[in-house]
């Protein structure tokens, strides 16, 4: 599975506790719906401690996206490589890796697209963070599959984002997986 909300992990420091709480709450309930007081309560820190680490909610949002980027991208890369190493074609490896994530009960779609849709105008700093995340996803695909055609890789990321959105909207995981597999196979000539 690609990303599970970190329930039960033991955060060692106050900053990490805040970040883990924000990660869970922002991803599950949305950024606007999650107030600072709720994060402080879940993290079991004081307001003074919170604001020492994150002077504003916007600072926390950007830190959350950075944290999510690192964790999600590592798991994405590992999952793609694992499925590919199992003898699956690139299209099958991607479709299976994504379906593993979509079947997770904590799945709520792409945190970056969600944050952009929810906060893009109010916090324009999210836009370059989201673009950088999508570029990193493209790099993982290009590197893993040895594809140098950047236009093709960009199209694969668009197809992947569409599949994520369909899974997020409650689409049947098996159907979305098969559709993603067919699109990717056609695009890369499998």
Protein backbone atom coordinates (compact mmCIF):
# COMPACT_ATOMS: atom_id res chain seq x y z
CA UNK A 1 0.00 0.00 0.00
CA UNK A 2 1.22 3.44 -0.74
CA UNK A 3 0.17 5.74 2.03
CA UNK A 4 -1.58 5.02 5.25
CA UNK A 5 -2.45 7.66 7.74
CA UNK A 6 0.02 7.31 10.57
CA UNK A 7 -2.32 6.28 13.37
CA UNK A 8 -0.45 4.70 16.22
CA UNK A 9 3.01 5.90 15.25
CA UNK A 10 4.94 7.32 18.14
CA UNK A 11 6.09 10.83 17.33
CA UNK A 12 9.17 11.73 19.30
CA UNK A 13 9.07 15.52 19.29
CA UNK A 14 6.39 18.18 19.42
CA UNK A 15 6.95 19.24 15.80
CA UNK A 16 6.56 15.67 14.61
CA UNK A 17 3.41 15.18 16.72
CA UNK A 18 1.90 18.30 15.19
CA UNK A 19 2.88 17.24 11.68
CA UNK A 20 1.50 13.71 12.10
CA UNK A 21 -1.77 15.08 13.47
CA UNK A 22 -2.04 17.62 10.66
CA UNK A 23 -1.27 14.90 8.12
CA UNK A 24 -4.07 12.69 9.39
CA UNK A 25 -6.63 15.46 9.87
CA UNK A 26 -5.91 17.49 6.71
CA UNK A 27 -5.95 14.38 4.53
CA UNK A 28 -9.07 12.88 6.09
CA UNK A 29 -11.21 15.99 6.66
CA UNK A 30 -9.69 18.68 4.43
CA UNK A 31 -7.53 21.67 5.21
CA UNK A 32 -10.28 24.25 5.69
CA UNK A 33 -12.37 21.90 7.85
CA UNK A 34 -9.46 21.25 10.20
CA UNK A 35 -8.83 23.97 12.74
CA UNK A 36 -5.60 24.58 14.57
CA UNK A 37 -7.27 23.76 17.90
CA UNK A 38 -8.18 20.29 16.64
CA UNK A 39 -4.58 19.66 15.57
CA UNK A 40 -3.25 20.96 18.89
CA UNK A 41 -5.65 18.69 20.80
CA UNK A 42 -4.78 15.60 18.78
CA UNK A 43 -1.04 16.31 18.98
CA UNK A 44 -1.34 16.99 22.72
CA UNK A 45 0.78 20.11 22.60
CA UNK A 46 0.18 23.63 23.84
CA UNK A 47 -0.68 26.56 21.59
CA UNK A 48 2.66 28.12 22.48
CA UNK A 49 4.45 24.96 21.34
CA UNK A 50 2.39 24.82 18.16
CA UNK A 51 3.13 28.42 17.19
CA UNK A 52 6.81 28.01 18.06
CA UNK A 53 7.04 25.34 15.35
CA UNK A 54 4.45 26.73 12.92
CA UNK A 55 3.86 30.50 13.14
CA UNK A 56 0.71 30.16 11.01
CA UNK A 57 -1.65 27.55 9.63
CA UNK A 58 -0.21 28.31 6.18
CA UNK A 59 3.25 27.31 7.42
CA UNK A 60 1.78 24.05 8.69
CA UNK A 61 -0.02 23.42 5.39
CA UNK A 62 3.20 23.77 3.42
CA UNK A 63 5.09 21.56 5.91
CA UNK A 64 2.29 18.97 5.65
CA UNK A 65 2.61 18.91 1.86
CA UNK A 66 6.39 18.56 2.08
CA UNK A 67 5.98 15.70 4.56
CA UNK A 68 3.30 14.06 2.40
CA UNK A 69 5.44 14.45 -0.72
CA UNK A 70 8.42 12.64 0.77
CA UNK A 71 6.40 9.80 2.28
CA UNK A 72 4.06 9.30 -0.68
CA UNK A 73 6.76 9.47 -3.32
CA UNK A 74 8.94 6.92 -1.51
CA UNK A 75 6.04 4.51 -1.20
CA UNK A 76 4.96 5.12 -4.80
CA UNK A 77 8.45 4.41 -6.09
CA UNK A 78 8.80 1.28 -3.95
CA UNK A 79 5.38 -0.01 -4.95
CA UNK A 80 5.96 0.51 -8.68
CA UNK A 81 9.37 -1.19 -8.48
CA UNK A 82 7.98 -4.08 -6.43
CA UNK A 83 5.13 -4.73 -8.84
CA UNK A 84 7.51 -4.40 -11.81
CA UNK A 85 10.03 -6.75 -10.17
CA UNK A 86 7.26 -9.32 -9.79
CA UNK A 87 7.35 -9.64 -13.59
CA UNK A 88 4.48 -7.30 -14.37
CA UNK A 89 4.58 -5.01 -17.37
CA UNK A 90 4.93 -1.28 -16.65
CA UNK A 91 1.19 -0.76 -17.23
CA UNK A 92 0.30 -3.63 -14.89
CA UNK A 93 2.83 -2.47 -12.29
CA UNK A 94 1.39 1.06 -12.22
CA UNK A 95 -2.24 -0.09 -12.21
CA UNK A 96 -1.63 -2.60 -9.42
CA UNK A 97 0.38 -0.16 -7.31
CA UNK A 98 -2.36 2.44 -7.60
CA UNK A 99 -5.14 -0.08 -6.87
CA UNK A 100 -3.31 -1.07 -3.68
CA UNK A 101 -3.54 2.56 -2.57
CA UNK A 102 -7.12 3.07 -3.72
CA UNK A 103 -8.29 0.03 -1.74
CA UNK A 104 -6.87 1.49 1.47
CA UNK A 105 -9.78 2.67 3.66
CA UNK A 106 -7.83 5.88 4.38
CA UNK A 107 -7.63 6.78 0.65
CA UNK A 108 -8.93 10.29 -0.01
CA UNK A 109 -7.32 11.05 -3.36
CA UNK A 110 -4.24 13.08 -4.17
CA UNK A 111 -3.39 15.33 -1.23
CA UNK A 112 -1.78 17.82 -3.62
CA UNK A 113 -4.74 18.11 -5.97
CA UNK A 114 -7.05 18.30 -2.96
CA UNK A 115 -4.95 21.08 -1.39
CA UNK A 116 -4.76 22.96 -4.68
CA UNK A 117 -8.52 22.77 -5.20
CA UNK A 118 -9.24 23.74 -1.62
CA UNK A 119 -6.58 26.37 -0.94
CA UNK A 120 -4.92 27.29 -4.25
CA UNK A 121 -6.30 30.82 -4.38
CA UNK A 122 -5.91 31.56 -0.67
CA UNK A 123 -2.40 30.10 -0.51
CA UNK A 124 -0.81 30.35 -3.96
CA UNK A 125 2.42 28.83 -2.61
CA UNK A 126 0.63 25.48 -2.92
CA UNK A 127 0.72 25.64 -6.73
CA UNK A 128 4.50 25.26 -7.17
CA UNK A 129 4.54 22.58 -4.46
CA UNK A 130 1.90 20.61 -6.37
CA UNK A 131 3.73 21.10 -9.68
CA UNK A 132 6.98 19.92 -8.09
CA UNK A 133 5.21 16.85 -6.69
CA UNK A 134 3.78 15.97 -10.11
CA UNK A 135 7.22 16.49 -11.70
CA UNK A 136 8.70 14.08 -9.15
CA UNK A 137 6.00 11.51 -9.98
CA UNK A 138 6.95 11.92 -13.64
CA UNK A 139 10.62 11.42 -12.77
CA UNK A 140 9.84 8.18 -10.92
CA UNK A 141 7.96 6.83 -13.94
CA UNK A 142 10.64 7.95 -16.40
CA UNK A 143 13.47 6.51 -14.31
CA UNK A 144 11.71 3.25 -13.44
CA UNK A 145 10.69 2.52 -17.02
CA UNK A 146 13.62 4.16 -18.82
CA UNK A 147 11.36 6.50 -20.81
CA UNK A 148 13.08 9.66 -22.02
CA UNK A 149 10.14 11.19 -23.89
CA UNK A 150 9.05 13.90 -21.42
CA UNK A 151 5.83 14.58 -23.34
CA UNK A 152 4.83 10.94 -22.98
CA UNK A 153 5.70 10.98 -19.28
CA UNK A 154 3.63 14.16 -18.78
CA UNK A 155 0.67 12.48 -20.49
CA UNK A 156 1.07 9.44 -18.24
CA UNK A 157 0.90 11.68 -15.16
CA UNK A 158 -2.29 13.30 -16.49
CA UNK A 159 -3.80 9.83 -17.04
CA UNK A 160 -2.71 8.82 -13.55
CA UNK A 161 -4.29 11.93 -12.00
CA UNK A 162 -7.53 11.19 -13.84
CA UNK A 163 -7.56 7.63 -12.53
CA UNK A 164 -6.89 8.88 -8.99
CA UNK A 165 -9.84 11.27 -9.28
CA UNK A 166 -12.14 8.50 -10.53
CA UNK A 167 -11.11 6.25 -7.66
CA UNK A 168 -11.63 9.14 -5.23
CA UNK A 169 -15.14 9.74 -6.61
CA UNK A 170 -16.07 6.21 -5.67
CA UNK A 171 -15.36 4.50 -8.95
CA UNK A 172 -15.05 0.73 -8.80
CA UNK A 173 -11.37 0.10 -8.08
CA UNK A 174 -11.13 -2.89 -10.41
CA UNK A 175 -12.69 -0.93 -13.27
CA UNK A 176 -10.48 2.13 -12.73
CA UNK A 177 -7.43 -0.14 -12.44
CA UNK A 178 -8.29 -1.84 -15.75
CA UNK A 179 -8.91 1.50 -17.44
CA UNK A 180 -5.60 2.92 -16.20
CA UNK A 181 -3.78 -0.21 -17.31
CA UNK A 182 -5.32 0.00 -20.80
CA UNK A 183 -4.52 3.71 -21.16
CA UNK A 184 -0.91 3.29 -20.04
CA UNK A 185 -0.41 0.19 -22.21
CA UNK A 186 -1.71 2.06 -25.27
CA UNK A 187 0.43 5.10 -24.52
CA UNK A 188 3.70 3.21 -24.08
CA UNK A 189 3.02 0.62 -26.78
CA UNK A 190 2.70 -2.48 -24.62
